[in-house]
């Protein structure tokens, strides 16, 4: 999920994912509706969701946290 202020988010998100080798669908939330439902208070906040739509990690803001969350998700597959 991405909330990006002041710019077109897709190119920024794609650049980030390419840089870190993150694969899979990316949810953009331009009106911050889902962010509000999840209680996101600040950015960056990463939300890792499995193929069934279950939130598996919430708030992994640092790269090491995000990498661990993604590795955990991949191990479940």
Protein backbone atom coordinates (compact mmCIF):
# COMPACT_ATOMS: atom_id res chain seq x y z
CA UNK A 1 0.00 0.00 0.00
CA UNK A 2 1.28 3.47 -0.74
CA UNK A 3 0.30 6.93 0.36
CA UNK A 4 2.52 9.38 -1.43
CA UNK A 5 2.02 13.11 -0.98
CA UNK A 6 2.57 15.58 -3.76
CA UNK A 7 3.68 13.23 -6.54
CA UNK A 8 2.32 10.55 -8.82
CA UNK A 9 2.90 7.50 -6.61
CA UNK A 10 3.14 4.63 -9.10
CA UNK A 11 6.59 5.52 -10.55
CA UNK A 12 8.01 6.06 -7.06
CA UNK A 13 6.60 2.79 -5.77
CA UNK A 14 7.78 0.85 -8.83
CA UNK A 15 11.27 2.35 -8.46
CA UNK A 16 11.37 1.32 -4.78
CA UNK A 17 10.16 -2.21 -5.57
CA UNK A 18 12.66 -2.61 -8.43
CA UNK A 19 15.48 -1.35 -6.24
CA UNK A 20 14.71 -3.88 -3.47
CA UNK A 21 13.51 -6.76 -5.65
CA UNK A 22 9.96 -6.67 -4.29
CA UNK A 23 7.53 -8.53 -6.55
CA UNK A 24 3.75 -8.67 -6.56
CA UNK A 25 0.77 -6.36 -6.77
CA UNK A 26 1.03 -2.91 -5.23
CA UNK A 27 -2.00 -1.23 -3.68
CA UNK A 28 -2.18 2.52 -4.12
CA UNK A 29 -4.46 4.32 -1.67
CA UNK A 30 -4.68 7.92 -2.98
CA UNK A 31 -7.66 8.86 -0.80
CA UNK A 32 -6.11 7.09 2.23
CA UNK A 33 -9.33 5.14 2.82
CA UNK A 34 -7.62 1.83 3.61
CA UNK A 35 -4.91 3.62 5.58
CA UNK A 36 -7.65 5.13 7.74
CA UNK A 37 -9.30 1.76 8.27
CA UNK A 38 -5.96 0.22 9.26
CA UNK A 39 -5.08 3.08 11.58
CA UNK A 40 -2.00 4.26 9.70
CA UNK A 41 -0.68 7.26 11.61
CA UNK A 42 2.38 8.14 9.56
CA UNK A 43 4.50 7.20 6.61
CA UNK A 44 6.34 5.17 5.74
CA UNK A 45 4.11 2.35 6.86
CA UNK A 46 4.27 -0.89 4.93
CA UNK A 47 1.44 -3.39 4.94
CA UNK A 48 2.24 -6.92 3.75
CA UNK A 49 -0.85 -8.82 2.60
CA UNK A 50 -0.97 -12.48 1.56
CA UNK A 51 -2.72 -13.87 -1.51
CA UNK A 52 -5.93 -14.35 0.51
CA UNK A 53 -6.03 -10.68 1.49
CA UNK A 54 -4.97 -11.25 5.10
CA UNK A 55 -2.72 -8.58 6.57
CA UNK A 56 0.43 -10.42 7.68
CA UNK A 57 2.59 -7.47 8.68
CA UNK A 58 1.73 -3.90 9.51
CA UNK A 59 4.09 -1.03 10.16
CA UNK A 60 7.31 -2.48 8.77
CA UNK A 61 8.83 0.94 8.16
CA UNK A 62 12.51 0.03 8.17
CA UNK A 63 13.97 -1.96 5.30
CA UNK A 64 15.10 -4.84 7.55
CA UNK A 65 11.56 -5.14 8.96
CA UNK A 66 10.06 -5.12 5.48
CA UNK A 67 12.54 -7.74 4.25
CA UNK A 68 11.71 -10.03 7.21
CA UNK A 69 7.98 -9.62 6.57
CA UNK A 70 8.37 -10.47 2.88
CA UNK A 71 10.61 -13.46 3.62
CA UNK A 72 8.06 -14.73 6.14
CA UNK A 73 5.28 -14.36 3.59
CA UNK A 74 7.31 -16.17 0.92
CA UNK A 75 8.05 -19.02 3.34
CA UNK A 76 4.29 -19.56 3.74
CA UNK A 77 3.78 -19.94 -0.02
